[in-house]
């Protein structure tokens, strides 16, 4: 829920939407859900995110992988760190 929107916001130099993960978990009642179902949901979301990342990598070098979001508590957060860039774009 937070990965793609925050990555997209960072690439577009837009602010991040604040998220309260405890509130989200409580409202959605994750404790009452089936672990197997939630694992399948997570795997589907991860696959969709990887497909999206692959499409961004295909546009490289148009994508600036060094773009960073200035997090108020932990400082700059790069879109993808050096190791990630090397695995996505080994010849760059």
PDB file of N, CA and C in Angstrom:
ATOM      1  N   UNK A   1       0.818  -1.202   0.000  1.00  0.00           N
ATOM      2  CA  UNK A   1       0.000   0.000   0.000  1.00  0.00           C
ATOM      3  C   UNK A   1       0.857   1.259   0.000  1.00  0.00           C
ATOM      4  N   UNK A   2       2.019   1.176   0.582  1.00  0.00           N
ATOM      5  CA  UNK A   2       2.844   2.383   0.648  1.00  0.00           C
ATOM      6  C   UNK A   2       3.963   2.398  -0.378  1.00  0.00           C
ATOM      7  N   UNK A   3       4.405   1.247  -0.847  1.00  0.00           N
ATOM      8  CA  UNK A   3       5.596   1.182  -1.696  1.00  0.00           C
ATOM      9  C   UNK A   3       5.431   1.979  -2.996  1.00  0.00           C
ATOM     10  N   UNK A   4       4.508   1.576  -3.841  1.00  0.00           N
ATOM     11  CA  UNK A   4       4.370   2.230  -5.147  1.00  0.00           C
ATOM     12  C   UNK A   4       3.968   3.696  -5.024  1.00  0.00           C
ATOM     13  N   UNK A   5       2.974   4.052  -4.183  1.00  0.00           N
ATOM     14  CA  UNK A   5       2.636   5.477  -4.081  1.00  0.00           C
ATOM     15  C   UNK A   5       3.802   6.339  -3.595  1.00  0.00           C
ATOM     16  N   UNK A   6       4.567   5.838  -2.633  1.00  0.00           N
ATOM     17  CA  UNK A   6       5.684   6.635  -2.128  1.00  0.00           C
ATOM     18  C   UNK A   6       6.822   6.706  -3.134  1.00  0.00           C
ATOM     19  N   UNK A   7       7.075   5.626  -3.840  1.00  0.00           N
ATOM     20  CA  UNK A   7       8.107   5.653  -4.876  1.00  0.00           C
ATOM     21  C   UNK A   7       7.710   6.608  -5.993  1.00  0.00           C
ATOM     22  N   UNK A   8       6.452   6.537  -6.413  1.00  0.00           N
ATOM     23  CA  UNK A   8       5.968   7.434  -7.463  1.00  0.00           C
ATOM     24  C   UNK A   8       6.071   8.892  -7.004  1.00  0.00           C
ATOM     25  N   UNK A   9       5.664   9.169  -5.768  1.00  0.00           N
ATOM     26  CA  UNK A   9       5.743  10.535  -5.238  1.00  0.00           C
ATOM     27  C   UNK A   9       7.194  11.018  -5.216  1.00  0.00           C
ATOM     28  N   UNK A  10       8.108  10.147  -4.823  1.00  0.00           N
ATOM     29  CA  UNK A  10       9.527  10.523  -4.780  1.00  0.00           C
ATOM     30  C   UNK A  10      10.039  10.851  -6.176  1.00  0.00           C
ATOM     31  N   UNK A  11       9.721  10.012  -7.130  1.00  0.00           N
ATOM     32  CA  UNK A  11      10.174  10.255  -8.508  1.00  0.00           C
ATOM     33  C   UNK A  11       9.588  11.547  -9.072  1.00  0.00           C
ATOM     34  N   UNK A  12       8.387  11.919  -8.613  1.00  0.00           N
ATOM     35  CA  UNK A  12       7.728  13.133  -9.095  1.00  0.00           C
ATOM     36  C   UNK A  12       7.998  14.341  -8.189  1.00  0.00           C
ATOM     37  N   UNK A  13       8.887  14.162  -7.205  1.00  0.00           N
ATOM     38  CA  UNK A  13       9.211  15.216  -6.225  1.00  0.00           C
ATOM     39  C   UNK A  13       7.962  15.739  -5.519  1.00  0.00           C
ATOM     40  N   UNK A  14       7.046  14.853  -5.232  1.00  0.00           N
ATOM     41  CA  UNK A  14       5.809  15.202  -4.523  1.00  0.00           C
ATOM     42  C   UNK A  14       5.913  14.730  -3.072  1.00  0.00           C
ATOM     43  N   UNK A  15       5.150  15.346  -2.176  1.00  0.00           N
ATOM     44  CA  UNK A  15       5.211  14.911  -0.770  1.00  0.00           C
ATOM     45  C   UNK A  15       4.589  13.528  -0.588  1.00  0.00           C
ATOM     46  N   UNK A  16       5.062  12.836   0.421  1.00  0.00           N
ATOM     47  CA  UNK A  16       4.485  11.540   0.774  1.00  0.00           C
ATOM     48  C   UNK A  16       3.200  11.749   1.551  1.00  0.00           C
ATOM     49  N   UNK A  17       2.214  10.919   1.310  1.00  0.00           N
ATOM     50  CA  UNK A  17       1.002  10.920   2.113  1.00  0.00           C
ATOM     51  C   UNK A  17       1.320  10.232   3.430  1.00  0.00           C
ATOM     52  N   UNK A  18       1.041  10.882   4.555  1.00  0.00           N
ATOM     53  CA  UNK A  18       1.332  10.248   5.843  1.00  0.00           C
ATOM     54  C   UNK A  18       0.509   8.971   6.025  1.00  0.00           C
ATOM     55  N   UNK A  19       1.118   7.968   6.605  1.00  0.00           N
ATOM     56  CA  UNK A  19       0.438   6.705   6.874  1.00  0.00           C
ATOM     57  C   UNK A  19       0.605   6.336   8.337  1.00  0.00           C
ATOM     58  N   UNK A  20      -0.465   5.877   8.947  1.00  0.00           N
ATOM     59  CA  UNK A  20      -0.433   5.362  10.311  1.00  0.00           C
ATOM     60  C   UNK A  20      -0.659   3.864  10.206  1.00  0.00           C
ATOM     61  N   UNK A  21       0.425   3.102  10.181  1.00  0.00           N
ATOM     62  CA  UNK A  21       0.331   1.670   9.930  1.00  0.00           C
ATOM     63  C   UNK A  21      -0.447   0.929  11.014  1.00  0.00           C
ATOM     64  N   UNK A  22      -0.328   1.355  12.268  1.00  0.00           N
ATOM     65  CA  UNK A  22      -1.102   0.717  13.335  1.00  0.00           C
ATOM     66  C   UNK A  22      -2.589   0.931  13.116  1.00  0.00           C
ATOM     67  N   UNK A  23      -2.973   2.152  12.756  1.00  0.00           N
ATOM     68  CA  UNK A  23      -4.379   2.443  12.498  1.00  0.00           C
ATOM     69  C   UNK A  23      -4.899   1.646  11.308  1.00  0.00           C
ATOM     70  N   UNK A  24      -4.109   1.577  10.250  1.00  0.00           N
ATOM     71  CA  UNK A  24      -4.506   0.807   9.067  1.00  0.00           C
ATOM     72  C   UNK A  24      -4.731  -0.652   9.443  1.00  0.00           C
ATOM     73  N   UNK A  25      -3.790  -1.224  10.191  1.00  0.00           N
ATOM     74  CA  UNK A  25      -3.912  -2.636  10.588  1.00  0.00           C
ATOM     75  C   UNK A  25      -5.142  -2.861  11.453  1.00  0.00           C
ATOM     76  N   UNK A  26      -5.400  -1.953  12.385  1.00  0.00           N
ATOM     77  CA  UNK A  26      -6.570  -2.101  13.252  1.00  0.00           C
ATOM     78  C   UNK A  26      -7.873  -1.968  12.482  1.00  0.00           C
ATOM     79  N   UNK A  27      -7.956  -0.969  11.607  1.00  0.00           N
ATOM     80  CA  UNK A  27      -9.182  -0.775  10.822  1.00  0.00           C
ATOM     81  C   UNK A  27      -9.476  -1.956   9.912  1.00  0.00           C
ATOM     82  N   UNK A  28      -8.437  -2.539   9.361  1.00  0.00           N
ATOM     83  CA  UNK A  28      -8.628  -3.655   8.433  1.00  0.00           C
ATOM     84  C   UNK A  28      -8.773  -5.003   9.135  1.00  0.00           C
ATOM     85  N   UNK A  29      -8.519  -5.016  10.421  1.00  0.00           N
ATOM     86  CA  UNK A  29      -8.689  -6.260  11.181  1.00  0.00           C
ATOM     87  C   UNK A  29      -7.757  -7.370  10.731  1.00  0.00           C
ATOM     88  N   UNK A  30      -6.500  -7.029  10.492  1.00  0.00           N
ATOM     89  CA  UNK A  30      -5.551  -8.035  10.023  1.00  0.00           C
ATOM     90  C   UNK A  30      -5.438  -9.231  10.962  1.00  0.00           C
ATOM     91  N   UNK A  31      -5.587  -9.009  12.270  1.00  0.00           N
ATOM     92  CA  UNK A  31      -5.471 -10.122  13.222  1.00  0.00           C
ATOM     93  C   UNK A  31      -6.542 -11.183  13.006  1.00  0.00           C
ATOM     94  N   UNK A  32      -7.652 -10.800  12.424  1.00  0.00           N
ATOM     95  CA  UNK A  32      -8.750 -11.735  12.219  1.00  0.00           C
ATOM     96  C   UNK A  32      -8.725 -12.378  10.828  1.00  0.00           C
ATOM     97  N   UNK A  33      -7.780 -11.998  10.020  1.00  0.00           N
ATOM     98  CA  UNK A  33      -7.729 -12.506   8.643  1.00  0.00           C
ATOM     99  C   UNK A  33      -6.913 -13.786   8.539  1.00  0.00           C
ATOM    100  N   UNK A  34      -7.162 -14.496   7.471  1.00  0.00           N
ATOM    101  CA  UNK A  34      -6.432 -15.725   7.180  1.00  0.00           C
ATOM    102  C   UNK A  34      -5.003 -15.390   6.748  1.00  0.00           C
ATOM    103  N   UNK A  35      -4.030 -15.998   7.417  1.00  0.00           N
ATOM    104  CA  UNK A  35      -2.629 -15.767   7.066  1.00  0.00           C
ATOM    105  C   UNK A  35      -2.365 -16.181   5.622  1.00  0.00           C
ATOM    106  N   UNK A  36      -2.924 -17.296   5.211  1.00  0.00           N
ATOM    107  CA  UNK A  36      -2.709 -17.780   3.841  1.00  0.00           C
ATOM    108  C   UNK A  36      -3.257 -16.786   2.810  1.00  0.00           C
ATOM    109  N   UNK A  37      -4.440 -16.266   3.066  1.00  0.00           N
ATOM    110  CA  UNK A  37      -5.036 -15.286   2.158  1.00  0.00           C
ATOM    111  C   UNK A  37      -4.193 -14.021   2.092  1.00  0.00           C
ATOM    112  N   UNK A  38      -3.767 -13.544   3.253  1.00  0.00           N
ATOM    113  CA  UNK A  38      -2.965 -12.322   3.287  1.00  0.00           C
ATOM    114  C   UNK A  38      -1.605 -12.519   2.627  1.00  0.00           C
ATOM    115  N   UNK A  39      -1.014 -13.685   2.782  1.00  0.00           N
ATOM    116  CA  UNK A  39       0.254 -13.983   2.113  1.00  0.00           C
ATOM    117  C   UNK A  39       0.065 -13.971   0.602  1.00  0.00           C
ATOM    118  N   UNK A  40      -1.029 -14.553   0.145  1.00  0.00           N
ATOM    119  CA  UNK A  40      -1.321 -14.522  -1.299  1.00  0.00           C
ATOM    120  C   UNK A  40      -1.533 -13.094  -1.785  1.00  0.00           C
ATOM    121  N   UNK A  41      -2.236 -12.291  -0.991  1.00  0.00           N
ATOM    122  CA  UNK A  41      -2.443 -10.886  -1.358  1.00  0.00           C
ATOM    123  C   UNK A  41      -1.112 -10.144  -1.437  1.00  0.00           C
ATOM    124  N   UNK A  42      -0.246 -10.401  -0.456  1.00  0.00           N
ATOM    125  CA  UNK A  42       1.077  -9.760  -0.449  1.00  0.00           C
ATOM    126  C   UNK A  42       1.880 -10.164  -1.684  1.00  0.00           C
ATOM    127  N   UNK A  43       1.868 -11.451  -2.002  1.00  0.00           N
ATOM    128  CA  UNK A  43       2.628 -11.923  -3.160  1.00  0.00           C
ATOM    129  C   UNK A  43       2.098 -11.314  -4.462  1.00  0.00           C
ATOM    130  N   UNK A  44       0.789 -11.152  -4.567  1.00  0.00           N
ATOM    131  CA  UNK A  44       0.207 -10.528  -5.758  1.00  0.00           C
ATOM    132  C   UNK A  44       0.618  -9.055  -5.859  1.00  0.00           C
ATOM    133  N   UNK A  45       0.570  -8.356  -4.729  1.00  0.00           N
ATOM    134  CA  UNK A  45       0.971  -6.947  -4.724  1.00  0.00           C
ATOM    135  C   UNK A  45       2.452  -6.814  -5.052  1.00  0.00           C
ATOM    136  N   UNK A  46       3.269  -7.696  -4.512  1.00  0.00           N
ATOM    137  CA  UNK A  46       4.708  -7.650  -4.802  1.00  0.00           C
ATOM    138  C   UNK A  46       4.965  -7.903  -6.284  1.00  0.00           C
ATOM    139  N   UNK A  47       4.264  -8.864  -6.867  1.00  0.00           N
ATOM    140  CA  UNK A  47       4.439  -9.141  -8.296  1.00  0.00           C
ATOM    141  C   UNK A  47       4.050  -7.920  -9.135  1.00  0.00           C
ATOM    142  N   UNK A  48       2.966  -7.253  -8.754  1.00  0.00           N
ATOM    143  CA  UNK A  48       2.547  -6.045  -9.481  1.00  0.00           C
ATOM    144  C   UNK A  48       3.597  -4.945  -9.338  1.00  0.00           C
ATOM    145  N   UNK A  49       4.159  -4.789  -8.143  1.00  0.00           N
ATOM    146  CA  UNK A  49       5.207  -3.789  -7.936  1.00  0.00           C
ATOM    147  C   UNK A  49       6.452  -4.114  -8.751  1.00  0.00           C
ATOM    148  N   UNK A  50       6.821  -5.379  -8.833  1.00  0.00           N
ATOM    149  CA  UNK A  50       8.000  -5.763  -9.615  1.00  0.00           C
ATOM    150  C   UNK A  50       7.773  -5.511 -11.107  1.00  0.00           C
ATOM    151  N   UNK A  51       6.571  -5.775 -11.583  1.00  0.00           N
ATOM    152  CA  UNK A  51       6.247  -5.491 -12.984  1.00  0.00           C
ATOM    153  C   UNK A  51       6.363  -3.994 -13.256  1.00  0.00           C
ATOM    154  N   UNK A  52       5.855  -3.192 -12.318  1.00  0.00           N
ATOM    155  CA  UNK A  52       5.944  -1.737 -12.455  1.00  0.00           C
ATOM    156  C   UNK A  52       7.400  -1.277 -12.441  1.00  0.00           C
ATOM    157  N   UNK A  53       8.207  -1.835 -11.513  1.00  0.00           N
ATOM    158  CA  UNK A  53       9.627  -1.476 -11.462  1.00  0.00           C
ATOM    159  C   UNK A  53      10.340  -1.868 -12.744  1.00  0.00           C
ATOM    160  N   UNK A  54      10.008  -3.036 -13.284  1.00  0.00           N
ATOM    161  CA  UNK A  54      10.603  -3.453 -14.556  1.00  0.00           C
ATOM    162  C   UNK A  54      10.274  -2.458 -15.662  1.00  0.00           C
ATOM    163  N   UNK A  55       9.034  -1.933 -15.655  1.00  0.00           N
ATOM    164  CA  UNK A  55       8.660  -0.966 -16.695  1.00  0.00           C
ATOM    165  C   UNK A  55       9.442   0.333 -16.517  1.00  0.00           C
ATOM    166  N   UNK A  56       9.701   0.722 -15.256  1.00  0.00           N
ATOM    167  CA  UNK A  56      10.524   1.904 -15.024  1.00  0.00           C
ATOM    168  C   UNK A  56      11.961   1.672 -15.465  1.00  0.00           C
ATOM    169  N   UNK A  57      12.490   0.499 -15.160  1.00  0.00           N
ATOM    170  CA  UNK A  57      13.870   0.182 -15.539  1.00  0.00           C
ATOM    171  C   UNK A  57      14.022   0.200 -17.058  1.00  0.00           C
ATOM    172  N   UNK A  58      12.977  -0.207 -17.773  1.00  0.00           N
ATOM    173  CA  UNK A  58      13.027  -0.208 -19.236  1.00  0.00           C
ATOM    174  C   UNK A  58      13.127   1.214 -19.784  1.00  0.00           C
ATOM    175  N   UNK A  59      12.656   2.191 -19.002  1.00  0.00           N
ATOM    176  CA  UNK A  59      12.708   3.593 -19.420  1.00  0.00           C
ATOM    177  C   UNK A  59      14.038   4.249 -19.067  1.00  0.00           C
ATOM    178  N   UNK A  60      14.853   3.559 -18.303  1.00  0.00           N
ATOM    179  CA  UNK A  60      16.114   4.136 -17.866  1.00  0.00           C
ATOM    180  C   UNK A  60      16.965   4.426 -19.095  1.00  0.00           C
ATOM    181  N   UNK A  61      17.718   5.487 -19.160  1.00  0.00           N
ATOM    182  CA  UNK A  61      18.108   6.383 -18.084  1.00  0.00           C
ATOM    183  C   UNK A  61      17.145   7.531 -17.832  1.00  0.00           C
ATOM    184  N   UNK A  62      15.939   7.505 -18.395  1.00  0.00           N
ATOM    185  CA  UNK A  62      14.988   8.582 -18.144  1.00  0.00           C
ATOM    186  C   UNK A  62      14.587   8.658 -16.669  1.00  0.00           C
ATOM    187  N   UNK A  63      14.688   7.548 -15.964  1.00  0.00           N
ATOM    188  CA  UNK A  63      14.350   7.526 -14.540  1.00  0.00           C
ATOM    189  C   UNK A  63      15.613   7.837 -13.740  1.00  0.00           C
ATOM    190  N   UNK A  64      15.530   8.818 -12.879  1.00  0.00           N
ATOM    191  CA  UNK A  64      16.664   9.174 -12.021  1.00  0.00           C
ATOM    192  C   UNK A  64      16.569   8.363 -10.731  1.00  0.00           C
ATOM    193  N   UNK A  65      17.292   7.252 -10.708  1.00  0.00           N
ATOM    194  CA  UNK A  65      17.245   6.329  -9.566  1.00  0.00           C
ATOM    195  C   UNK A  65      17.870   6.923  -8.312  1.00  0.00           C
ATOM    196  N   UNK A  66      18.578   8.041  -8.445  1.00  0.00           N
ATOM    197  CA  UNK A  66      19.196   8.655  -7.261  1.00  0.00           C
ATOM    198  C   UNK A  66      18.287   9.687  -6.603  1.00  0.00           C
ATOM    199  N   UNK A  67      17.102   9.919  -7.175  1.00  0.00           N
ATOM    200  CA  UNK A  67      16.154  10.855  -6.574  1.00  0.00           C
ATOM    201  C   UNK A  67      15.901  10.433  -5.135  1.00  0.00           C
ATOM    202  N   UNK A  68      15.863  11.412  -4.244  1.00  0.00           N
ATOM    203  CA  UNK A  68      15.674  11.090  -2.817  1.00  0.00           C
ATOM    204  C   UNK A  68      14.519  11.889  -2.233  1.00  0.00           C
ATOM    205  N   UNK A  69      13.849  11.271  -1.293  1.00  0.00           N
ATOM    206  CA  UNK A  69      12.818  11.936  -0.493  1.00  0.00           C
ATOM    207  C   UNK A  69      13.452  12.305   0.839  1.00  0.00           C
ATOM    208  N   UNK A  70      13.245  13.522   1.288  1.00  0.00           N
ATOM    209  CA  UNK A  70      13.786  13.951   2.574  1.00  0.00           C
ATOM    210  C   UNK A  70      12.790  13.583   3.672  1.00  0.00           C
ATOM    211  N   UNK A  71      13.049  12.448   4.317  1.00  0.00           N
ATOM    212  CA  UNK A  71      12.174  12.002   5.398  1.00  0.00           C
ATOM    213  C   UNK A  71      12.448  12.858   6.633  1.00  0.00           C
ATOM    214  N   UNK A  72      11.395  13.330   7.323  1.00  0.00           N
ATOM    215  CA  UNK A  72      11.610  14.245   8.446  1.00  0.00           C
ATOM    216  C   UNK A  72      12.358  13.640   9.634  1.00  0.00           C
ATOM    217  N   UNK A  73      12.301  12.325   9.802  1.00  0.00           N
ATOM    218  CA  UNK A  73      12.962  11.702  10.954  1.00  0.00           C
ATOM    219  C   UNK A  73      14.261  10.983  10.606  1.00  0.00           C
ATOM    220  N   UNK A  74      14.344  10.400   9.418  1.00  0.00           N
ATOM    221  CA  UNK A  74      15.518   9.581   9.103  1.00  0.00           C
ATOM    222  C   UNK A  74      16.360  10.113   7.952  1.00  0.00           C
ATOM    223  N   UNK A  75      16.003  11.291   7.447  1.00  0.00           N
ATOM    224  CA  UNK A  75      16.826  11.905   6.418  1.00  0.00           C
ATOM    225  C   UNK A  75      16.500  11.429   5.021  1.00  0.00           C
ATOM    226  N   UNK A  76      17.424  11.662   4.074  1.00  0.00           N
ATOM    227  CA  UNK A  76      17.143  11.343   2.673  1.00  0.00           C
ATOM    228  C   UNK A  76      17.009   9.846   2.431  1.00  0.00           C
ATOM    229  N   UNK A  77      15.999   9.487   1.646  1.00  0.00           N
ATOM    230  CA  UNK A  77      15.752   8.098   1.268  1.00  0.00           C
ATOM    231  C   UNK A  77      15.784   8.043  -0.248  1.00  0.00           C
ATOM    232  N   UNK A  78      16.843   7.445  -0.806  1.00  0.00           N
ATOM    233  CA  UNK A  78      16.939   7.321  -2.266  1.00  0.00           C
ATOM    234  C   UNK A  78      15.871   6.371  -2.783  1.00  0.00           C
ATOM    235  N   UNK A  79      15.443   6.611  -4.019  1.00  0.00           N
ATOM    236  CA  UNK A  79      14.482   5.717  -4.657  1.00  0.00           C
ATOM    237  C   UNK A  79      15.014   4.295  -4.594  1.00  0.00           C
ATOM    238  N   UNK A  80      16.193   4.112  -5.120  1.00  0.00           N
ATOM    239  CA  UNK A  80      16.838   2.798  -5.075  1.00  0.00           C
ATOM    240  C   UNK A  80      18.313   3.052  -4.814  1.00  0.00           C
ATOM    241  N   UNK A  81      18.832   2.445  -3.776  1.00  0.00           N
ATOM    242  CA  UNK A  81      20.237   2.610  -3.420  1.00  0.00           C
ATOM    243  C   UNK A  81      21.162   2.037  -4.477  1.00  0.00           C
ATOM    244  N   UNK A  82      22.446   2.213  -4.272  1.00  0.00           N
ATOM    245  CA  UNK A  82      23.434   1.779  -5.261  1.00  0.00           C
ATOM    246  C   UNK A  82      23.319   0.294  -5.584  1.00  0.00           C
ATOM    247  N   UNK A  83      23.164  -0.547  -4.571  1.00  0.00           N
ATOM    248  CA  UNK A  83      23.063  -1.996  -4.822  1.00  0.00           C
ATOM    249  C   UNK A  83      21.833  -2.314  -5.663  1.00  0.00           C
ATOM    250  N   UNK A  84      20.723  -1.641  -5.376  1.00  0.00           N
ATOM    251  CA  UNK A  84      19.507  -1.860  -6.151  1.00  0.00           C
ATOM    252  C   UNK A  84      19.661  -1.411  -7.585  1.00  0.00           C
ATOM    253  N   UNK A  85      20.307  -0.273  -7.775  1.00  0.00           N
ATOM    254  CA  UNK A  85      20.533   0.218  -9.144  1.00  0.00           C
ATOM    255  C   UNK A  85      21.406  -0.761  -9.915  1.00  0.00           C
ATOM    256  N   UNK A  86      22.414  -1.312  -9.254  1.00  0.00           N
ATOM    257  CA  UNK A  86      23.305  -2.247  -9.946  1.00  0.00           C
ATOM    258  C   UNK A  86      22.558  -3.511 -10.342  1.00  0.00           C
ATOM    259  N   UNK A  87      21.616  -3.972  -9.500  1.00  0.00           N
ATOM    260  CA  UNK A  87      20.894  -5.188  -9.853  1.00  0.00           C
ATOM    261  C   UNK A  87      19.857  -4.910 -10.946  1.00  0.00           C
ATOM    262  N   UNK A  88      19.276  -3.704 -10.959  1.00  0.00           N
ATOM    263  CA  UNK A  88      18.318  -3.370 -12.012  1.00  0.00           C
ATOM    264  C   UNK A  88      19.018  -3.022 -13.311  1.00  0.00           C
ATOM    265  N   UNK A  89      20.143  -2.326 -13.192  1.00  0.00           N
ATOM    266  CA  UNK A  89      20.827  -1.805 -14.363  1.00  0.00           C
ATOM    267  C   UNK A  89      22.309  -2.173 -14.320  1.00  0.00           C
ATOM    268  N   UNK A  90      22.628  -3.455 -14.436  1.00  0.00           N
ATOM    269  CA  UNK A  90      24.017  -3.876 -14.231  1.00  0.00           C
ATOM    270  C   UNK A  90      25.026  -3.267 -15.193  1.00  0.00           C
ATOM    271  N   UNK A  91      24.584  -2.811 -16.355  1.00  0.00           N
ATOM    272  CA  UNK A  91      25.528  -2.270 -17.323  1.00  0.00           C
ATOM    273  C   UNK A  91      25.638  -0.749 -17.248  1.00  0.00           C
ATOM    274  N   UNK A  92      25.067  -0.130 -16.251  1.00  0.00           N
ATOM    275  CA  UNK A  92      25.109   1.333 -16.137  1.00  0.00           C
ATOM    276  C   UNK A  92      26.008   1.740 -15.002  1.00  0.00           C
TER     277      UNK A  92
END
